[in-house]
C-alpha atoms as a PDB file:
ATOM      1  CA  UNK A   1       9.146  12.388   1.427  1.00  0.00           C
ATOM      2  CA  UNK A   2      10.851   9.959   3.731  1.00  0.00           C
ATOM      3  CA  UNK A   3       8.955   6.803   4.673  1.00  0.00           C
ATOM      4  CA  UNK A   4       9.139   6.270   8.430  1.00  0.00           C
ATOM      5  CA  UNK A   5       6.229   4.002   9.369  1.00  0.00           C
ATOM      6  CA  UNK A   6       2.879   2.731   8.122  1.00  0.00           C
ATOM      7  CA  UNK A   7       0.991   5.841   9.094  1.00  0.00           C
ATOM      8  CA  UNK A   8       3.761   8.434   9.201  1.00  0.00           C
ATOM      9  CA  UNK A   9       6.012  10.000   6.594  1.00  0.00           C
ATOM     10  CA  UNK A  10       8.224  13.078   6.707  1.00  0.00           C
ATOM     11  CA  UNK A  11       7.883  15.505   3.802  1.00  0.00           C
ATOM     12  CA  UNK A  12      10.944  17.484   2.722  1.00  0.00           C
ATOM     13  CA  UNK A  13      11.692  19.656  -0.282  1.00  0.00           C
ATOM     14  CA  UNK A  14      15.134  19.221  -1.796  1.00  0.00           C
ATOM     15  CA  UNK A  15      16.516  20.957  -4.860  1.00  0.00           C
ATOM     16  CA  UNK A  16      18.563  18.731  -7.104  1.00  0.00           C
ATOM     17  CA  UNK A  17      21.442  20.329  -9.002  1.00  0.00           C
ATOM     18  CA  UNK A  18      20.070  21.425 -12.374  1.00  0.00           C
ATOM     19  CA  UNK A  19      21.817  21.470 -15.724  1.00  0.00           C
ATOM     20  CA  UNK A  20      23.012  25.000 -16.513  1.00  0.00           C
ATOM     21  CA  UNK A  21      23.337  26.618 -19.889  1.00  0.00           C
ATOM     22  CA  UNK A  22      26.191  29.117 -20.265  1.00  0.00           C
ATOM     23  CA  UNK A  23      24.743  32.561 -19.558  1.00  0.00           C
ATOM     24  CA  UNK A  24      21.198  31.388 -20.142  1.00  0.00           C
ATOM     25  CA  UNK A  25      20.039  30.202 -16.737  1.00  0.00           C
ATOM     26  CA  UNK A  26      18.720  26.821 -15.783  1.00  0.00           C
ATOM     27  CA  UNK A  27      17.077  24.138 -17.890  1.00  0.00           C
ATOM     28  CA  UNK A  28      15.913  20.650 -17.106  1.00  0.00           C
ATOM     29  CA  UNK A  29      16.439  17.823 -19.541  1.00  0.00           C
ATOM     30  CA  UNK A  30      13.922  15.005 -19.853  1.00  0.00           C
ATOM     31  CA  UNK A  31      15.159  11.655 -21.109  1.00  0.00           C
ATOM     32  CA  UNK A  32      13.008   9.386 -23.202  1.00  0.00           C
ATOM     33  CA  UNK A  33      15.163   6.340 -22.706  1.00  0.00           C
ATOM     34  CA  UNK A  34      16.663   4.915 -19.489  1.00  0.00           C
ATOM     35  CA  UNK A  35      20.086   4.204 -20.964  1.00  0.00           C
ATOM     36  CA  UNK A  36      20.619   7.792 -22.113  1.00  0.00           C
ATOM     37  CA  UNK A  37      19.531   8.969 -18.658  1.00  0.00           C
ATOM     38  CA  UNK A  38      21.927   6.559 -16.970  1.00  0.00           C
ATOM     39  CA  UNK A  39      24.839   7.443 -19.232  1.00  0.00           C
ATOM     40  CA  UNK A  40      24.313  11.195 -18.893  1.00  0.00           C
ATOM     41  CA  UNK A  41      23.807  11.191 -15.137  1.00  0.00           C
ATOM     42  CA  UNK A  42      26.636   8.822 -14.273  1.00  0.00           C
ATOM     43  CA  UNK A  43      29.083  10.660 -16.508  1.00  0.00           C
ATOM     44  CA  UNK A  44      28.427  13.885 -14.626  1.00  0.00           C
ATOM     45  CA  UNK A  45      30.555  15.032 -11.703  1.00  0.00           C
ATOM     46  CA  UNK A  46      30.075  14.247  -8.012  1.00  0.00           C
ATOM     47  CA  UNK A  47      27.027  16.530  -7.510  1.00  0.00           C
ATOM     48  CA  UNK A  48      25.321  14.488 -10.223  1.00  0.00           C
ATOM     49  CA  UNK A  49      26.106  11.311  -8.339  1.00  0.00           C
ATOM     50  CA  UNK A  50      24.607  12.802  -5.182  1.00  0.00           C
ATOM     51  CA  UNK A  51      21.464  13.592  -7.192  1.00  0.00           C
ATOM     52  CA  UNK A  52      21.308  10.029  -8.460  1.00  0.00           C
ATOM     53  CA  UNK A  53      21.703   8.617  -4.963  1.00  0.00           C
ATOM     54  CA  UNK A  54      19.008  10.960  -3.671  1.00  0.00           C
ATOM     55  CA  UNK A  55      16.657   9.965  -6.492  1.00  0.00           C
ATOM     56  CA  UNK A  56      17.372   6.301  -5.717  1.00  0.00           C
ATOM     57  CA  UNK A  57      16.555   6.931  -2.062  1.00  0.00           C
ATOM     58  CA  UNK A  58      13.299   8.652  -3.079  1.00  0.00           C
ATOM     59  CA  UNK A  59      12.365   5.657  -5.240  1.00  0.00           C
ATOM     60  CA  UNK A  60      13.130   3.242  -2.396  1.00  0.00           C
ATOM     61  CA  UNK A  61      10.998   5.305   0.002  1.00  0.00           C
ATOM     62  CA  UNK A  62       8.155   5.327  -2.516  1.00  0.00           C
ATOM     63  CA  UNK A  63       8.372   1.547  -2.905  1.00  0.00           C
ATOM     64  CA  UNK A  64       8.451   1.017   0.871  1.00  0.00           C
ATOM     65  CA  UNK A  65       5.458   3.312   1.276  1.00  0.00           C
ATOM     66  CA  UNK A  66       3.531   1.448  -1.436  1.00  0.00           C
ATOM     67  CA  UNK A  67       4.276  -1.941   0.135  1.00  0.00           C
ATOM     68  CA  UNK A  68       3.225  -0.640   3.546  1.00  0.00           C
ATOM     69  CA  UNK A  69      -0.054   0.664   2.129  1.00  0.00           C
ATOM     70  CA  UNK A  70      -0.654  -2.726   0.505  1.00  0.00           C
ATOM     71  CA  UNK A  71       0.042  -4.506   3.802  1.00  0.00           C
ATOM     72  CA  UNK A  72      -2.361  -2.248   5.685  1.00  0.00           C
ATOM     73  CA  UNK A  73      -5.117  -2.695   3.099  1.00  0.00           C
ATOM     74  CA  UNK A  74      -4.662  -6.487   3.059  1.00  0.00           C
ATOM     75  CA  UNK A  75      -4.784  -6.538   6.878  1.00  0.00           C
ATOM     76  CA  UNK A  76      -8.026  -4.533   6.782  1.00  0.00           C
ATOM     77  CA  UNK A  77      -9.478  -6.880   4.156  1.00  0.00           C
ATOM     78  CA  UNK A  78      -8.504  -9.921   6.238  1.00  0.00           C
ATOM     79  CA  UNK A  79     -10.063  -8.432   9.374  1.00  0.00           C
ATOM     80  CA  UNK A  80     -13.264  -7.612   7.474  1.00  0.00           C
ATOM     81  CA  UNK A  81     -13.449 -11.135   6.034  1.00  0.00           C
ATOM     82  CA  UNK A  82     -12.936 -12.698   9.472  1.00  0.00           C
ATOM     83  CA  UNK A  83     -15.666 -10.478  10.925  1.00  0.00           C
ATOM     84  CA  UNK A  84     -18.034 -11.426   8.097  1.00  0.00           C
ATOM     85  CA  UNK A  85     -17.307 -15.134   8.606  1.00  0.00           C
ATOM     86  CA  UNK A  86     -17.984 -14.783  12.334  1.00  0.00           C
ATOM     87  CA  UNK A  87     -21.308 -13.006  11.690  1.00  0.00           C
ATOM     88  CA  UNK A  88     -22.389 -15.567   9.073  1.00  0.00           C
ATOM     89  CA  UNK A  89     -21.475 -18.464  11.368  1.00  0.00           C
ATOM     90  CA  UNK A  90     -23.535 -16.951  14.155  1.00  0.00           C
ATOM     91  CA  UNK A  91     -26.514 -16.449  11.816  1.00  0.00           C
ATOM     92  CA  UNK A  92     -26.215 -20.026  10.519  1.00  0.00           C
ATOM     93  CA  UNK A  93     -26.082 -21.475  14.026  1.00  0.00           C
ATOM     94  CA  UNK A  94     -29.121 -19.437  15.105  1.00  0.00           C
ATOM     95  CA  UNK A  95     -31.142 -20.706  12.130  1.00  0.00           C
ATOM     96  CA  UNK A  96     -29.985 -24.269  12.709  1.00  0.00           C
ATOM     97  CA  UNK A  97     -30.865 -24.098  16.399  1.00  0.00           C
ATOM     98  CA  UNK A  98     -34.261 -22.621  15.509  1.00  0.00           C
ATOM     99  CA  UNK A  99     -34.967 -25.511  13.112  1.00  0.00           C
ATOM    100  CA  UNK A 100     -33.923 -28.082  15.718  1.00  0.00           C
ATOM    101  CA  UNK A 101     -36.168 -26.454  18.329  1.00  0.00           C
ATOM    102  CA  UNK A 102     -39.072 -26.371  15.858  1.00  0.00           C
ATOM    103  CA  UNK A 103     -38.654 -30.091  15.061  1.00  0.00           C
ATOM    104  CA  UNK A 104     -38.465 -30.980  18.765  1.00  0.00           C
ATOM    105  CA  UNK A 105     -41.657 -29.016  19.428  1.00  0.00           C
ATOM    106  CA  UNK A 106     -43.386 -30.767  16.547  1.00  0.00           C
ATOM    107  CA  UNK A 107     -42.293 -34.157  17.882  1.00  0.00           C
ATOM    108  CA  UNK A 108     -43.334 -33.286  21.436  1.00  0.00           C
ATOM    109  CA  UNK A 109     -46.638 -31.872  20.162  1.00  0.00           C
ATOM    110  CA  UNK A 110     -47.361 -35.020  18.213  1.00  0.00           C
ATOM    111  CA  UNK A 111     -46.842 -37.235  21.263  1.00  0.00           C
ATOM    112  CA  UNK A 112     -49.053 -35.129  23.481  1.00  0.00           C
ATOM    113  CA  UNK A 113     -52.109 -35.749  21.291  1.00  0.00           C
END
């Protein structure tokens, strides 16, 4: 998958060159330790290097996509917080104005008597 923008990514399927056993078909080797992976992959021929560069590109796209998703979610959270603050401010001001009006009416009512 290639990261293109916040809301758009292009999905592609690519076959990496597999390890081949003589006369036995294809097998995939899983490495338990990063240094053995690095040493094995970088000691391979040019197709192996192409695989490594492609995997690196995939990892970079994944990281860019993750950061974009984080940015979008933080923007949404900020917008929601600003909206909540605006609503609470409006509610507070209405209550405050209501209390002021009530006190003025009480004062005016007391003078009329």
